[in-house]
Amino acid sequence: MNTTRYPCILAAWQHHEAELLGFLRQRVASPDDAEDVLQDVFLKALRQRSLFCQVANPRAWLFQVARHAVIDRHRIAHPSIELPDDLPAPAIDSGPDELDTLAACLPRVLTELAEPDRIAIQLCDIEGLTQQAFADRLGLTLAAAKSRIQRARARLRAQLTDACKVRFDAAGKVCCHTPRPPIDSTMDL
């Protein structure tokens, strides 16, 4: 590609190349890698052609592209190690997952929530209604609907944690709980 057709690219490059290279050398493994990324950034600028000349801040554009190129390089370069052939396979737990059994508590706990919370959870989280559709249905602003849904979820979590005696492991994941029988519709409450 003829760079003389786009003097704005050449001027921006000459003005910022050294600064970009210094930036890249601090973020990649070797000076050669920094040079490679620098060339990639230059090629991306060239591919923009006249669009690059319309950029309000060429320095910011070049650094943004450089940052993305570094991120892409790191993402691709994840080191991998060979696993030994004699590594035992992880044990397969055939029992029910703790979250699956906790889900059995959900119908009963939902009945214990206040009606506005129950409706928000039912419509948005169970039936999949969007928050905007929920807001429209209840005549709320989107912000008010989001707030209502967030508070309902927090109260549901608190009620599940309390009523089903949910305990969490060190990582904050559900480790165990006490199942509650579902409501028997034939029993008098």
C-alpha atoms as a PDB file:
ATOM      1  CA  MET A   1       0.000   0.000   0.000  1.00  0.00           C
ATOM      2  CA  ASN A   2       1.264   3.426  -0.876  1.00  0.00           C
ATOM      3  CA  THR A   3       1.645   5.422   2.356  1.00  0.00           C
ATOM      4  CA  THR A   4       2.120   8.670   0.424  1.00  0.00           C
ATOM      5  CA  ARG A   5      -1.610   8.622  -0.393  1.00  0.00           C
ATOM      6  CA  TYR A   6      -2.330   8.929   3.331  1.00  0.00           C
ATOM      7  CA  PRO A   7       0.194  11.379   4.774  1.00  0.00           C
ATOM      8  CA  CYS A   8      -1.861  11.609   7.966  1.00  0.00           C
ATOM      9  CA  ILE A   9      -0.991   7.966   8.752  1.00  0.00           C
ATOM     10  CA  LEU A  10       2.682   8.519   8.083  1.00  0.00           C
ATOM     11  CA  ALA A  11       2.747  11.723  10.150  1.00  0.00           C
ATOM     12  CA  ALA A  12       0.956  10.119  13.100  1.00  0.00           C
ATOM     13  CA  TRP A  13       3.213   7.098  12.896  1.00  0.00           C
ATOM     14  CA  GLN A  14       6.409   9.114  12.832  1.00  0.00           C
ATOM     15  CA  HIS A  15       5.200  11.212  15.732  1.00  0.00           C
ATOM     16  CA  HIS A  16       4.128   8.292  17.995  1.00  0.00           C
ATOM     17  CA  GLU A  17       6.178   5.260  16.909  1.00  0.00           C
ATOM     18  CA  ALA A  18       8.908   5.581  19.563  1.00  0.00           C
ATOM     19  CA  GLU A  19       6.384   6.150  22.347  1.00  0.00           C
ATOM     20  CA  LEU A  20       4.315   3.157  21.181  1.00  0.00           C
ATOM     21  CA  LEU A  21       7.386   0.940  21.096  1.00  0.00           C
ATOM     22  CA  GLY A  22       8.292   1.911  24.660  1.00  0.00           C
ATOM     23  CA  PHE A  23       4.736   1.184  25.735  1.00  0.00           C
ATOM     24  CA  LEU A  24       4.809  -2.224  24.061  1.00  0.00           C
ATOM     25  CA  ARG A  25       8.220  -3.196  25.454  1.00  0.00           C
ATOM     26  CA  GLN A  26       6.802  -2.832  28.960  1.00  0.00           C
ATOM     27  CA  ARG A  27       3.904  -5.162  28.167  1.00  0.00           C
ATOM     28  CA  VAL A  28       5.252  -8.044  26.102  1.00  0.00           C
ATOM     29  CA  ALA A  29       7.856 -10.701  26.807  1.00  0.00           C
ATOM     30  CA  SER A  30      10.656  -9.692  24.458  1.00  0.00           C
ATOM     31  CA  PRO A  31      11.829  -6.726  22.362  1.00  0.00           C
ATOM     32  CA  ASP A  32      11.199  -8.795  19.214  1.00  0.00           C
ATOM     33  CA  ASP A  33       7.596  -9.371  20.279  1.00  0.00           C
ATOM     34  CA  ALA A  34       7.205  -5.643  20.891  1.00  0.00           C
ATOM     35  CA  GLU A  35       8.460  -4.950  17.359  1.00  0.00           C
ATOM     36  CA  ASP A  36       6.002  -7.518  15.962  1.00  0.00           C
ATOM     37  CA  VAL A  37       3.067  -5.930  17.768  1.00  0.00           C
ATOM     38  CA  LEU A  38       4.222  -2.483  16.651  1.00  0.00           C
ATOM     39  CA  GLN A  39       4.158  -3.667  13.022  1.00  0.00           C
ATOM     40  CA  ASP A  40       0.651  -5.100  13.555  1.00  0.00           C
ATOM     41  CA  VAL A  41      -0.526  -1.720  14.846  1.00  0.00           C
ATOM     42  CA  PHE A  42       0.990   0.042  11.843  1.00  0.00           C
ATOM     43  CA  LEU A  43      -0.721  -2.383   9.449  1.00  0.00           C
ATOM     44  CA  LYS A  44      -4.072  -1.818  11.161  1.00  0.00           C
ATOM     45  CA  ALA A  45      -3.613   1.922  10.761  1.00  0.00           C
ATOM     46  CA  LEU A  46      -2.786   1.445   7.070  1.00  0.00           C
ATOM     47  CA  ARG A  47      -5.878  -0.723   6.547  1.00  0.00           C
ATOM     48  CA  GLN A  48      -8.004   2.169   7.830  1.00  0.00           C
ATOM     49  CA  ARG A  49      -6.827   4.290   4.893  1.00  0.00           C
ATOM     50  CA  SER A  50      -8.703   7.586   4.754  1.00  0.00           C
ATOM     51  CA  LEU A  51     -10.767   6.676   7.826  1.00  0.00           C
ATOM     52  CA  PHE A  52      -7.625   7.017   9.926  1.00  0.00           C
ATOM     53  CA  CYS A  53      -7.308  10.614   8.744  1.00  0.00           C
ATOM     54  CA  GLN A  54     -10.738  11.346  10.214  1.00  0.00           C
ATOM     55  CA  VAL A  55      -9.774  10.132  13.691  1.00  0.00           C
ATOM     56  CA  ALA A  56      -9.872  13.042  16.132  1.00  0.00           C
ATOM     57  CA  ASN A  57      -6.978  11.760  18.261  1.00  0.00           C
ATOM     58  CA  PRO A  58      -4.596   9.513  16.283  1.00  0.00           C
ATOM     59  CA  ARG A  59      -2.369   8.921  19.330  1.00  0.00           C
ATOM     60  CA  ALA A  60      -5.295   7.586  21.374  1.00  0.00           C
ATOM     61  CA  TRP A  61      -6.391   5.387  18.466  1.00  0.00           C
ATOM     62  CA  LEU A  62      -2.884   3.934  18.054  1.00  0.00           C
ATOM     63  CA  PHE A  63      -2.543   3.219  21.773  1.00  0.00           C
ATOM     64  CA  GLN A  64      -6.005   1.643  21.907  1.00  0.00           C
ATOM     65  CA  VAL A  65      -5.113  -0.667  19.022  1.00  0.00           C
ATOM     66  CA  ALA A  66      -1.769  -1.439  20.688  1.00  0.00           C
ATOM     67  CA  ARG A  67      -3.492  -2.327  23.982  1.00  0.00           C
ATOM     68  CA  HIS A  68      -5.889  -4.644  22.181  1.00  0.00           C
ATOM     69  CA  ALA A  69      -3.040  -6.258  20.252  1.00  0.00           C
ATOM     70  CA  VAL A  70      -1.170  -6.936  23.503  1.00  0.00           C
ATOM     71  CA  ILE A  71      -4.309  -8.424  25.071  1.00  0.00           C
ATOM     72  CA  ASP A  72      -4.845 -10.634  22.010  1.00  0.00           C
ATOM     73  CA  ARG A  73      -1.207 -11.772  22.116  1.00  0.00           C
ATOM     74  CA  HIS A  74      -1.472 -12.697  25.804  1.00  0.00           C
ATOM     75  CA  ARG A  75      -4.778 -14.452  25.234  1.00  0.00           C
ATOM     76  CA  ILE A  76      -3.305 -16.583  22.448  1.00  0.00           C
ATOM     77  CA  ALA A  77      -0.049 -17.304  24.290  1.00  0.00           C
ATOM     78  CA  HIS A  78      -1.511 -19.120  27.298  1.00  0.00           C
ATOM     79  CA  PRO A  79       1.169 -21.589  28.271  1.00  0.00           C
ATOM     80  CA  SER A  80       0.118 -25.200  28.448  1.00  0.00           C
ATOM     81  CA  ILE A  81       1.818 -28.052  30.194  1.00  0.00           C
ATOM     82  CA  GLU A  82       1.794 -31.709  29.340  1.00  0.00           C
ATOM     83  CA  LEU A  83      -0.130 -33.813  31.807  1.00  0.00           C
ATOM     84  CA  PRO A  84       1.445 -37.075  32.889  1.00  0.00           C
ATOM     85  CA  ASP A  85      -0.040 -40.235  31.409  1.00  0.00           C
ATOM     86  CA  ASP A  86      -0.542 -41.754  34.850  1.00  0.00           C
ATOM     87  CA  LEU A  87      -2.682 -38.866  36.128  1.00  0.00           C
ATOM     88  CA  PRO A  88      -5.806 -40.384  37.668  1.00  0.00           C
ATOM     89  CA  ALA A  89      -9.134 -39.311  36.271  1.00  0.00           C
ATOM     90  CA  PRO A  90     -11.212 -37.139  38.593  1.00  0.00           C
ATOM     91  CA  ALA A  91     -13.832 -38.993  40.569  1.00  0.00           C
ATOM     92  CA  ILE A  92     -17.284 -38.680  39.091  1.00  0.00           C
ATOM     93  CA  ASP A  93     -19.879 -37.834  41.675  1.00  0.00           C
ATOM     94  CA  SER A  94     -23.027 -39.636  40.727  1.00  0.00           C
ATOM     95  CA  GLY A  95     -25.066 -38.006  43.476  1.00  0.00           C
ATOM     96  CA  PRO A  96     -27.257 -34.991  42.903  1.00  0.00           C
ATOM     97  CA  ASP A  97     -25.576 -31.640  42.695  1.00  0.00           C
ATOM     98  CA  GLU A  98     -26.084 -29.484  45.791  1.00  0.00           C
ATOM     99  CA  LEU A  99     -27.619 -26.694  43.705  1.00  0.00           C
ATOM    100  CA  ASP A 100     -30.043 -29.135  42.075  1.00  0.00           C
ATOM    101  CA  THR A 101     -31.321 -30.296  45.431  1.00  0.00           C
ATOM    102  CA  LEU A 102     -31.465 -26.697  46.665  1.00  0.00           C
ATOM    103  CA  ALA A 103     -33.692 -25.896  43.689  1.00  0.00           C
ATOM    104  CA  ALA A 104     -36.300 -28.159  45.291  1.00  0.00           C
ATOM    105  CA  CYS A 105     -36.596 -25.569  48.085  1.00  0.00           C
ATOM    106  CA  LEU A 106     -37.386 -22.790  45.626  1.00  0.00           C
ATOM    107  CA  PRO A 107     -41.135 -23.360  45.088  1.00  0.00           C
ATOM    108  CA  ARG A 108     -41.841 -23.337  48.810  1.00  0.00           C
ATOM    109  CA  VAL A 109     -39.632 -20.324  49.495  1.00  0.00           C
ATOM    110  CA  LEU A 110     -41.279 -18.416  46.649  1.00  0.00           C
ATOM    111  CA  THR A 111     -44.649 -18.816  48.371  1.00  0.00           C
ATOM    112  CA  GLU A 112     -43.147 -17.240  51.494  1.00  0.00           C
ATOM    113  CA  LEU A 113     -42.062 -14.043  49.703  1.00  0.00           C
ATOM    114  CA  ALA A 114     -44.185 -10.920  49.580  1.00  0.00           C
ATOM    115  CA  GLU A 115     -46.341 -10.782  46.466  1.00  0.00           C
ATOM    116  CA  PRO A 116     -44.374  -8.016  44.669  1.00  0.00           C
ATOM    117  CA  ASP A 117     -41.124  -9.964  45.140  1.00  0.00           C
ATOM    118  CA  ARG A 118     -42.741 -13.225  44.054  1.00  0.00           C
ATOM    119  CA  ILE A 119     -44.158 -11.594  40.914  1.00  0.00           C
ATOM    120  CA  ALA A 120     -40.775 -10.052  39.992  1.00  0.00           C
ATOM    121  CA  ILE A 121     -38.956 -13.382  40.426  1.00  0.00           C
ATOM    122  CA  GLN A 122     -41.676 -15.355  38.649  1.00  0.00           C
ATOM    123  CA  LEU A 123     -41.919 -13.076  35.622  1.00  0.00           C
ATOM    124  CA  CYS A 124     -38.258 -12.177  35.096  1.00  0.00           C
ATOM    125  CA  ASP A 125     -36.235 -15.096  36.424  1.00  0.00           C
ATOM    126  CA  ILE A 126     -38.561 -18.029  35.865  1.00  0.00           C
ATOM    127  CA  GLU A 127     -40.618 -16.999  32.840  1.00  0.00           C
ATOM    128  CA  GLY A 128     -37.788 -15.009  31.235  1.00  0.00           C
ATOM    129  CA  LEU A 129     -39.553 -11.679  30.807  1.00  0.00           C
ATOM    130  CA  THR A 130     -37.095  -8.881  30.052  1.00  0.00           C
ATOM    131  CA  GLN A 131     -36.697  -6.145  32.610  1.00  0.00           C
ATOM    132  CA  GLN A 132     -38.059  -3.615  30.124  1.00  0.00           C
ATOM    133  CA  ALA A 133     -41.151  -5.764  29.501  1.00  0.00           C
ATOM    134  CA  PHE A 134     -41.567  -6.165  33.271  1.00  0.00           C
ATOM    135  CA  ALA A 135     -41.359  -2.378  33.686  1.00  0.00           C
ATOM    136  CA  ASP A 136     -43.915  -1.848  30.923  1.00  0.00           C
ATOM    137  CA  ARG A 137     -46.296  -4.432  32.381  1.00  0.00           C
ATOM    138  CA  LEU A 138     -46.204  -2.823  35.844  1.00  0.00           C
ATOM    139  CA  GLY A 139     -46.094   0.777  34.603  1.00  0.00           C
ATOM    140  CA  LEU A 140     -42.635   1.404  36.066  1.00  0.00           C
ATOM    141  CA  THR A 141     -39.557   3.102  34.715  1.00  0.00           C
ATOM    142  CA  LEU A 142     -36.784   0.721  33.700  1.00  0.00           C
ATOM    143  CA  ALA A 143     -34.640   1.939  36.610  1.00  0.00           C
ATOM    144  CA  ALA A 144     -37.445   1.275  39.104  1.00  0.00           C
ATOM    145  CA  ALA A 145     -38.059  -2.176  37.629  1.00  0.00           C
ATOM    146  CA  LYS A 146     -34.369  -3.076  37.827  1.00  0.00           C
ATOM    147  CA  SER A 147     -34.267  -1.923  41.431  1.00  0.00           C
ATOM    148  CA  ARG A 148     -37.384  -3.917  42.312  1.00  0.00           C
ATOM    149  CA  ILE A 149     -36.012  -7.070  40.680  1.00  0.00           C
ATOM    150  CA  GLN A 150     -32.653  -6.676  42.395  1.00  0.00           C
ATOM    151  CA  ARG A 151     -34.283  -6.256  45.814  1.00  0.00           C
ATOM    152  CA  ALA A 152     -36.572  -9.242  45.167  1.00  0.00           C
ATOM    153  CA  ARG A 153     -33.568 -11.406  44.282  1.00  0.00           C
ATOM    154  CA  ALA A 154     -31.758 -10.322  47.444  1.00  0.00           C
ATOM    155  CA  ARG A 155     -34.794 -11.169  49.581  1.00  0.00           C
ATOM    156  CA  LEU A 156     -35.186 -14.521  47.806  1.00  0.00           C
ATOM    157  CA  ARG A 157     -31.549 -15.346  48.493  1.00  0.00           C
ATOM    158  CA  ALA A 158     -31.906 -14.357  52.154  1.00  0.00           C
ATOM    159  CA  GLN A 159     -35.098 -16.411  52.495  1.00  0.00           C
ATOM    160  CA  LEU A 160     -33.504 -19.444  50.792  1.00  0.00           C
ATOM    161  CA  THR A 161     -30.418 -19.131  52.975  1.00  0.00           C
ATOM    162  CA  ASP A 162     -32.473 -18.885  56.151  1.00  0.00           C
ATOM    163  CA  ALA A 163     -35.323 -21.282  55.434  1.00  0.00           C
ATOM    164  CA  CYS A 164     -33.205 -24.010  53.832  1.00  0.00           C
ATOM    165  CA  LYS A 165     -30.221 -23.504  56.159  1.00  0.00           C
ATOM    166  CA  VAL A 166     -27.854 -22.923  53.246  1.00  0.00           C
ATOM    167  CA  ARG A 167     -24.134 -22.935  54.073  1.00  0.00           C
ATOM    168  CA  PHE A 168     -21.340 -21.725  51.830  1.00  0.00           C
ATOM    169  CA  ASP A 169     -17.785 -22.986  51.388  1.00  0.00           C
ATOM    170  CA  ALA A 170     -14.666 -20.790  51.504  1.00  0.00           C
ATOM    171  CA  ALA A 171     -15.138 -19.870  47.834  1.00  0.00           C
ATOM    172  CA  GLY A 172     -18.678 -18.640  48.494  1.00  0.00           C
ATOM    173  CA  LYS A 173     -20.351 -21.556  46.720  1.00  0.00           C
ATOM    174  CA  VAL A 174     -23.238 -23.515  48.150  1.00  0.00           C
ATOM    175  CA  CYS A 175     -21.806 -26.505  49.974  1.00  0.00           C
ATOM    176  CA  CYS A 176     -24.820 -27.843  51.807  1.00  0.00           C
ATOM    177  CA  HIS A 177     -28.344 -27.130  52.981  1.00  0.00           C
ATOM    178  CA  THR A 178     -31.266 -28.680  54.789  1.00  0.00           C
ATOM    179  CA  PRO A 179     -34.004 -29.673  52.346  1.00  0.00           C
ATOM    180  CA  ARG A 180     -37.537 -28.573  53.126  1.00  0.00           C
ATOM    181  CA  PRO A 181     -40.455 -30.660  51.999  1.00  0.00           C
ATOM    182  CA  PRO A 182     -42.647 -29.070  49.375  1.00  0.00           C
ATOM    183  CA  ILE A 183     -45.954 -27.659  50.477  1.00  0.00           C
ATOM    184  CA  ASP A 184     -48.562 -30.369  50.516  1.00  0.00           C
ATOM    185  CA  SER A 185     -51.685 -28.888  48.991  1.00  0.00           C
ATOM    186  CA  THR A 186     -53.852 -31.416  50.867  1.00  0.00           C
ATOM    187  CA  MET A 187     -52.639 -30.197  54.284  1.00  0.00           C
ATOM    188  CA  ASP A 188     -54.398 -27.405  56.132  1.00  0.00           C
ATOM    189  CA  LEU A 189     -52.039 -24.547  56.830  1.00  0.00           C
END
